[in-house]
Amino acid sequence: MQAKVKNPRKQRKHLYNAPAHIRHKLMAAPLTKDLVKKHGVKTLPVRKGDTVRIQRGDNKGFEGKISRVDLKNYRIYLEGLTREKVDGTNIFLPLHPSNVVIKSFSLNDKKRKAIVERKKPLEKETAPKPTQKPILTVKPKSKPKISVIEEIEEPTKPVAVKPVAVKKAPIAKKTAVPKATAASKPSAKPKSPKKTEGGQ
């Protein structure tokens, strides 16, 4: 099957250029409520010989057998549904299969039977599941846990705290410099020459 597209031009192009097996699927019509309950299928492609009822349009409520299926133009024709032209000739009115409801159909054809059997499980999956009662689960008995209060109430032994000795960093001590003689004592800084009053 061709990929789904949103562009209207491409949608019409796919519709007009669709092969026969896809055209047959597009010619599907809904079934009546009684047939849905009986067969478990909501829609089926229409065929010659099926009895249908018109649901929309000017001829709403008309029932008749399908006399012809036009796959080229996506239309069906019913027995007895005709109109008179200006020249006096009668012609069948074309209908789109989406505007009719299938009232009865035959399952003599093996292929059609296979279609109904194939679509049945799909309809069952979509049906709502019956509500089930919640199953009560019994939890196994667990050992009693000691509460936090009980743990606090228990007598606790006093713990002796030993003082921790803090080691201090050793302070650098000034070493005593032995006194030396004036000759051996080096001068700390060279003294700048004193400026004389008249000197430079």
C-alpha atoms as a PDB file:
ATOM      1  CA  MET A   1       0.000   0.000   0.000  1.00  0.00           C
ATOM      2  CA  GLN A   2       1.148   3.503  -0.774  1.00  0.00           C
ATOM      3  CA  ALA A   3       2.514   5.741   1.962  1.00  0.00           C
ATOM      4  CA  LYS A   4       0.100   8.142   3.674  1.00  0.00           C
ATOM      5  CA  VAL A   5       0.333  11.757   2.524  1.00  0.00           C
ATOM      6  CA  LYS A   6      -1.323  14.999   3.661  1.00  0.00           C
ATOM      7  CA  ASN A   7      -1.042  16.987   0.452  1.00  0.00           C
ATOM      8  CA  PRO A   8      -4.518  17.051  -1.244  1.00  0.00           C
ATOM      9  CA  ARG A   9      -2.969  16.899  -4.710  1.00  0.00           C
ATOM     10  CA  LYS A  10      -1.092  13.715  -3.868  1.00  0.00           C
ATOM     11  CA  GLN A  11      -4.164  12.234  -2.155  1.00  0.00           C
ATOM     12  CA  ARG A  12      -6.242  12.683  -5.312  1.00  0.00           C
ATOM     13  CA  LYS A  13      -3.383  11.345  -7.410  1.00  0.00           C
ATOM     14  CA  HIS A  14      -3.180   8.177  -5.273  1.00  0.00           C
ATOM     15  CA  LEU A  15      -6.952   7.791  -5.441  1.00  0.00           C
ATOM     16  CA  TYR A  16      -7.113   8.019  -9.258  1.00  0.00           C
ATOM     17  CA  ASN A  17      -4.003   5.878  -9.840  1.00  0.00           C
ATOM     18  CA  ALA A  18      -4.808   3.205  -7.224  1.00  0.00           C
ATOM     19  CA  PRO A  19      -4.576  -0.432  -8.357  1.00  0.00           C
ATOM     20  CA  ALA A  20      -7.619  -2.740  -8.355  1.00  0.00           C
ATOM     21  CA  HIS A  21      -6.909  -4.493  -5.045  1.00  0.00           C
ATOM     22  CA  ILE A  22      -6.735  -1.139  -3.218  1.00  0.00           C
ATOM     23  CA  ARG A  23      -9.831   0.192  -5.035  1.00  0.00           C
ATOM     24  CA  HIS A  24     -11.735  -2.856  -3.781  1.00  0.00           C
ATOM     25  CA  LYS A  25     -10.820  -1.981  -0.158  1.00  0.00           C
ATOM     26  CA  LEU A  26     -11.876   1.654  -0.666  1.00  0.00           C
ATOM     27  CA  MET A  27     -15.330   0.428  -1.760  1.00  0.00           C
ATOM     28  CA  ALA A  28     -16.222  -0.665   1.788  1.00  0.00           C
ATOM     29  CA  ALA A  29     -19.557   0.067   3.482  1.00  0.00           C
ATOM     30  CA  PRO A  30     -20.664  -0.285   7.126  1.00  0.00           C
ATOM     31  CA  LEU A  31     -22.883  -3.155   8.301  1.00  0.00           C
ATOM     32  CA  THR A  32     -26.109  -2.893  10.286  1.00  0.00           C
ATOM     33  CA  LYS A  33     -25.999  -3.365  14.082  1.00  0.00           C
ATOM     34  CA  ASP A  34     -27.541  -6.854  13.831  1.00  0.00           C
ATOM     35  CA  LEU A  35     -24.885  -8.035  11.359  1.00  0.00           C
ATOM     36  CA  VAL A  36     -22.115  -6.522  13.500  1.00  0.00           C
ATOM     37  CA  LYS A  37     -23.312  -8.557  16.505  1.00  0.00           C
ATOM     38  CA  LYS A  38     -23.683 -11.707  14.408  1.00  0.00           C
ATOM     39  CA  HIS A  39     -20.369 -11.625  12.501  1.00  0.00           C
ATOM     40  CA  GLY A  40     -18.248  -9.328  14.679  1.00  0.00           C
ATOM     41  CA  VAL A  41     -17.254  -7.173  11.680  1.00  0.00           C
ATOM     42  CA  LYS A  42     -18.080  -3.477  11.248  1.00  0.00           C
ATOM     43  CA  THR A  43     -17.349  -2.906   7.540  1.00  0.00           C
ATOM     44  CA  LEU A  44     -17.017  -4.976   4.363  1.00  0.00           C
ATOM     45  CA  PRO A  45     -16.287  -4.185   0.711  1.00  0.00           C
ATOM     46  CA  VAL A  46     -19.561  -4.149  -1.254  1.00  0.00           C
ATOM     47  CA  ARG A  47     -20.283  -6.767  -3.960  1.00  0.00           C
ATOM     48  CA  LYS A  48     -22.882  -7.444  -6.595  1.00  0.00           C
ATOM     49  CA  GLY A  49     -25.931  -9.093  -4.981  1.00  0.00           C
ATOM     50  CA  ASP A  50     -25.648  -7.445  -1.543  1.00  0.00           C
ATOM     51  CA  THR A  51     -28.796  -5.777  -0.189  1.00  0.00           C
ATOM     52  CA  VAL A  52     -28.139  -2.232   1.003  1.00  0.00           C
ATOM     53  CA  ARG A  53     -30.103   0.722   2.411  1.00  0.00           C
ATOM     54  CA  ILE A  54     -29.340   4.346   1.487  1.00  0.00           C
ATOM     55  CA  GLN A  55     -28.500   6.465   4.537  1.00  0.00           C
ATOM     56  CA  ARG A  56     -27.977   9.925   2.994  1.00  0.00           C
ATOM     57  CA  GLY A  57     -29.196  12.072   0.137  1.00  0.00           C
ATOM     58  CA  ASP A  58     -32.525  12.530  -1.662  1.00  0.00           C
ATOM     59  CA  ASN A  59     -33.188   8.769  -1.803  1.00  0.00           C
ATOM     60  CA  LYS A  60     -32.615   8.142   1.902  1.00  0.00           C
ATOM     61  CA  GLY A  61     -34.353   4.983   3.125  1.00  0.00           C
ATOM     62  CA  PHE A  62     -34.381   3.234  -0.286  1.00  0.00           C
ATOM     63  CA  GLU A  63     -33.424  -0.460  -0.137  1.00  0.00           C
ATOM     64  CA  GLY A  64     -32.284  -2.604  -3.040  1.00  0.00           C
ATOM     65  CA  LYS A  65     -29.782  -5.096  -4.378  1.00  0.00           C
ATOM     66  CA  ILE A  66     -26.505  -3.975  -5.906  1.00  0.00           C
ATOM     67  CA  SER A  67     -26.691  -4.566  -9.660  1.00  0.00           C
ATOM     68  CA  ARG A  68     -23.264  -3.193 -10.605  1.00  0.00           C
ATOM     69  CA  VAL A  69     -20.034  -2.098  -8.913  1.00  0.00           C
ATOM     70  CA  ASP A  70     -17.930   0.510 -10.740  1.00  0.00           C
ATOM     71  CA  LEU A  71     -14.357   0.345  -9.406  1.00  0.00           C
ATOM     72  CA  LYS A  72     -13.136   2.956 -11.884  1.00  0.00           C
ATOM     73  CA  ASN A  73     -15.390   5.742 -10.570  1.00  0.00           C
ATOM     74  CA  TYR A  74     -15.899   4.349  -7.018  1.00  0.00           C
ATOM     75  CA  ARG A  75     -19.696   4.044  -7.474  1.00  0.00           C
ATOM     76  CA  ILE A  76     -22.398   1.380  -7.064  1.00  0.00           C
ATOM     77  CA  TYR A  77     -25.807   1.000  -8.790  1.00  0.00           C
ATOM     78  CA  LEU A  78     -28.975  -0.412  -7.193  1.00  0.00           C
ATOM     79  CA  GLU A  79     -31.844  -2.271  -8.844  1.00  0.00           C
ATOM     80  CA  GLY A  80     -34.870   0.016  -9.152  1.00  0.00           C
ATOM     81  CA  LEU A  81     -33.014   3.237  -8.384  1.00  0.00           C
ATOM     82  CA  THR A  82     -33.307   5.065 -11.732  1.00  0.00           C
ATOM     83  CA  ARG A  83     -34.195   8.460 -13.094  1.00  0.00           C
ATOM     84  CA  GLU A  84     -35.673   9.567 -16.416  1.00  0.00           C
ATOM     85  CA  LYS A  85     -33.642  11.694 -18.773  1.00  0.00           C
ATOM     86  CA  VAL A  86     -35.070  14.481 -20.937  1.00  0.00           C
ATOM     87  CA  ASP A  87     -35.223  12.195 -23.982  1.00  0.00           C
ATOM     88  CA  GLY A  88     -37.275   9.642 -21.968  1.00  0.00           C
ATOM     89  CA  THR A  89     -34.615   6.988 -21.281  1.00  0.00           C
ATOM     90  CA  ASN A  90     -34.076   5.637 -17.759  1.00  0.00           C
ATOM     91  CA  ILE A  91     -30.598   5.512 -16.220  1.00  0.00           C
ATOM     92  CA  PHE A  92     -29.301   4.100 -12.904  1.00  0.00           C
ATOM     93  CA  LEU A  93     -28.295   6.601 -10.216  1.00  0.00           C
ATOM     94  CA  PRO A  94     -24.681   6.227  -9.047  1.00  0.00           C
ATOM     95  CA  LEU A  95     -24.005   6.042  -5.294  1.00  0.00           C
ATOM     96  CA  HIS A  96     -20.856   6.092  -3.223  1.00  0.00           C
ATOM     97  CA  PRO A  97     -20.607   3.031  -0.916  1.00  0.00           C
ATOM     98  CA  SER A  98     -20.003   5.239   2.149  1.00  0.00           C
ATOM     99  CA  ASN A  99     -23.617   6.489   1.832  1.00  0.00           C
ATOM    100  CA  VAL A 100     -25.193   3.042   2.234  1.00  0.00           C
ATOM    101  CA  VAL A 101     -25.464   0.343   4.915  1.00  0.00           C
ATOM    102  CA  ILE A 102     -25.206  -3.371   4.100  1.00  0.00           C
ATOM    103  CA  LYS A 103     -28.365  -5.167   5.288  1.00  0.00           C
ATOM    104  CA  SER A 104     -27.526  -8.665   4.019  1.00  0.00           C
ATOM    105  CA  PHE A 105     -24.633 -10.350   2.234  1.00  0.00           C
ATOM    106  CA  SER A 106     -23.676 -13.885   1.231  1.00  0.00           C
ATOM    107  CA  LEU A 107     -20.638 -15.829   2.479  1.00  0.00           C
ATOM    108  CA  ASN A 108     -20.630 -18.367  -0.376  1.00  0.00           C
ATOM    109  CA  ASP A 109     -17.361 -16.976  -1.703  1.00  0.00           C
ATOM    110  CA  LYS A 110     -14.232 -18.369   0.009  1.00  0.00           C
ATOM    111  CA  LYS A 111     -12.361 -15.068  -0.317  1.00  0.00           C
ATOM    112  CA  ARG A 112     -15.130 -13.125   1.362  1.00  0.00           C
ATOM    113  CA  LYS A 113     -15.345 -15.702   4.131  1.00  0.00           C
ATOM    114  CA  ALA A 114     -11.604 -15.300   4.680  1.00  0.00           C
ATOM    115  CA  ILE A 115     -12.028 -11.497   4.928  1.00  0.00           C
ATOM    116  CA  VAL A 116     -14.634 -11.889   7.688  1.00  0.00           C
ATOM    117  CA  GLU A 117     -12.487 -14.407   9.596  1.00  0.00           C
ATOM    118  CA  ARG A 118      -9.423 -12.175   9.304  1.00  0.00           C
ATOM    119  CA  LYS A 119     -11.234  -9.071  10.572  1.00  0.00           C
ATOM    120  CA  LYS A 120     -12.911 -10.799  13.535  1.00  0.00           C
ATOM    121  CA  PRO A 121      -9.928 -10.812  15.917  1.00  0.00           C
ATOM    122  CA  LEU A 122      -9.274  -7.146  15.166  1.00  0.00           C
ATOM    123  CA  GLU A 123     -12.772  -6.237  16.345  1.00  0.00           C
ATOM    124  CA  LYS A 124     -12.390  -8.346  19.503  1.00  0.00           C
ATOM    125  CA  GLU A 125      -9.218  -6.482  20.486  1.00  0.00           C
ATOM    126  CA  THR A 126     -10.966  -3.110  20.250  1.00  0.00           C
ATOM    127  CA  ALA A 127     -13.887  -4.261  22.443  1.00  0.00           C
ATOM    128  CA  PRO A 128     -13.656  -3.015  26.069  1.00  0.00           C
ATOM    129  CA  LYS A 129     -12.461  -5.636  28.516  1.00  0.00           C
ATOM    130  CA  PRO A 130     -14.780  -6.575  31.404  1.00  0.00           C
ATOM    131  CA  THR A 131     -13.831  -5.026  34.710  1.00  0.00           C
ATOM    132  CA  GLN A 132     -12.181  -7.464  37.088  1.00  0.00           C
ATOM    133  CA  LYS A 133     -12.408  -7.302  40.864  1.00  0.00           C
ATOM    134  CA  PRO A 134      -9.124  -6.374  42.507  1.00  0.00           C
ATOM    135  CA  ILE A 135      -7.330  -9.398  43.964  1.00  0.00           C
ATOM    136  CA  LEU A 136      -6.543  -8.965  47.664  1.00  0.00           C
ATOM    137  CA  THR A 137      -2.994  -9.914  48.502  1.00  0.00           C
ATOM    138  CA  VAL A 138      -2.121 -11.024  52.046  1.00  0.00           C
ATOM    139  CA  LYS A 139       1.262  -9.771  53.184  1.00  0.00           C
ATOM    140  CA  PRO A 140       3.396 -12.225  55.212  1.00  0.00           C
ATOM    141  CA  LYS A 141       3.844 -11.431  58.907  1.00  0.00           C
ATOM    142  CA  SER A 142       7.143  -9.716  59.487  1.00  0.00           C
ATOM    143  CA  LYS A 143       9.199  -9.520  62.662  1.00  0.00           C
ATOM    144  CA  PRO A 144       8.387  -6.580  64.952  1.00  0.00           C
ATOM    145  CA  LYS A 145      10.744  -3.733  64.321  1.00  0.00           C
ATOM    146  CA  ILE A 146      12.316  -1.805  67.229  1.00  0.00           C
ATOM    147  CA  SER A 147      11.007   1.688  67.226  1.00  0.00           C
ATOM    148  CA  VAL A 148      13.261   4.703  67.489  1.00  0.00           C
ATOM    149  CA  ILE A 149      11.754   5.652  70.870  1.00  0.00           C
ATOM    150  CA  GLU A 150      12.674   2.294  72.385  1.00  0.00           C
ATOM    151  CA  GLU A 151      16.237   2.672  71.237  1.00  0.00           C
ATOM    152  CA  ILE A 152      16.506   6.090  72.863  1.00  0.00           C
ATOM    153  CA  GLU A 153      15.016   4.880  76.176  1.00  0.00           C
ATOM    154  CA  GLU A 154      17.677   2.188  76.569  1.00  0.00           C
ATOM    155  CA  PRO A 155      20.329   3.167  79.194  1.00  0.00           C
ATOM    156  CA  THR A 156      23.485   4.342  77.586  1.00  0.00           C
ATOM    157  CA  LYS A 157      26.900   4.154  79.222  1.00  0.00           C
ATOM    158  CA  PRO A 158      28.781   7.445  79.574  1.00  0.00           C
ATOM    159  CA  VAL A 159      31.770   7.547  77.326  1.00  0.00           C
ATOM    160  CA  ALA A 160      34.883   9.174  78.728  1.00  0.00           C
ATOM    161  CA  VAL A 161      36.217  11.793  76.384  1.00  0.00           C
ATOM    162  CA  LYS A 162      39.984  12.129  76.416  1.00  0.00           C
ATOM    163  CA  PRO A 163      41.432  15.593  75.869  1.00  0.00           C
ATOM    164  CA  VAL A 164      43.298  15.816  72.642  1.00  0.00           C
ATOM    165  CA  ALA A 165      46.709  17.473  72.865  1.00  0.00           C
ATOM    166  CA  VAL A 166      47.104  20.158  70.262  1.00  0.00           C
ATOM    167  CA  LYS A 167      50.596  20.444  68.920  1.00  0.00           C
ATOM    168  CA  LYS A 168      51.730  23.989  68.426  1.00  0.00           C
ATOM    169  CA  ALA A 169      54.129  24.949  65.717  1.00  0.00           C
ATOM    170  CA  PRO A 170      57.620  25.675  67.080  1.00  0.00           C
ATOM    171  CA  ILE A 171      58.423  29.356  67.287  1.00  0.00           C
ATOM    172  CA  ALA A 172      61.744  30.356  65.789  1.00  0.00           C
ATOM    173  CA  LYS A 173      63.997  31.516  68.580  1.00  0.00           C
ATOM    174  CA  LYS A 174      66.580  34.248  68.117  1.00  0.00           C
ATOM    175  CA  THR A 175      70.017  32.818  68.507  1.00  0.00           C
ATOM    176  CA  ALA A 176      72.429  34.826  70.605  1.00  0.00           C
ATOM    177  CA  VAL A 177      75.262  36.187  68.574  1.00  0.00           C
ATOM    178  CA  PRO A 178      78.580  35.990  70.477  1.00  0.00           C
ATOM    179  CA  LYS A 179      80.098  39.357  71.150  1.00  0.00           C
ATOM    180  CA  ALA A 180      83.083  40.028  69.014  1.00  0.00           C
ATOM    181  CA  THR A 181      85.728  42.659  69.007  1.00  0.00           C
ATOM    182  CA  ALA A 182      85.354  45.878  67.103  1.00  0.00           C
ATOM    183  CA  ALA A 183      87.955  44.764  64.559  1.00  0.00           C
ATOM    184  CA  SER A 184      86.238  41.483  63.776  1.00  0.00           C
ATOM    185  CA  LYS A 185      82.732  42.980  63.878  1.00  0.00           C
ATOM    186  CA  PRO A 186      81.619  43.713  60.335  1.00  0.00           C
ATOM    187  CA  SER A 187      79.914  46.972  59.674  1.00  0.00           C
ATOM    188  CA  ALA A 188      76.243  46.575  59.105  1.00  0.00           C
ATOM    189  CA  LYS A 189      75.803  49.356  56.558  1.00  0.00           C
ATOM    190  CA  PRO A 190      78.308  51.708  55.012  1.00  0.00           C
ATOM    191  CA  LYS A 191      77.738  55.130  56.393  1.00  0.00           C
ATOM    192  CA  SER A 192      77.039  57.844  53.869  1.00  0.00           C
ATOM    193  CA  PRO A 193      79.500  60.740  53.964  1.00  0.00           C
ATOM    194  CA  LYS A 194      78.229  63.703  55.872  1.00  0.00           C
ATOM    195  CA  LYS A 195      77.632  66.774  53.871  1.00  0.00           C
ATOM    196  CA  THR A 196      79.720  69.688  54.839  1.00  0.00           C
ATOM    197  CA  GLU A 197      78.331  73.132  54.945  1.00  0.00           C
ATOM    198  CA  GLY A 198      80.473  74.445  52.150  1.00  0.00           C
ATOM    199  CA  GLY A 199      81.039  71.184  50.426  1.00  0.00           C
ATOM    200  CA  GLN A 200      79.228  69.681  47.567  1.00  0.00           C
END
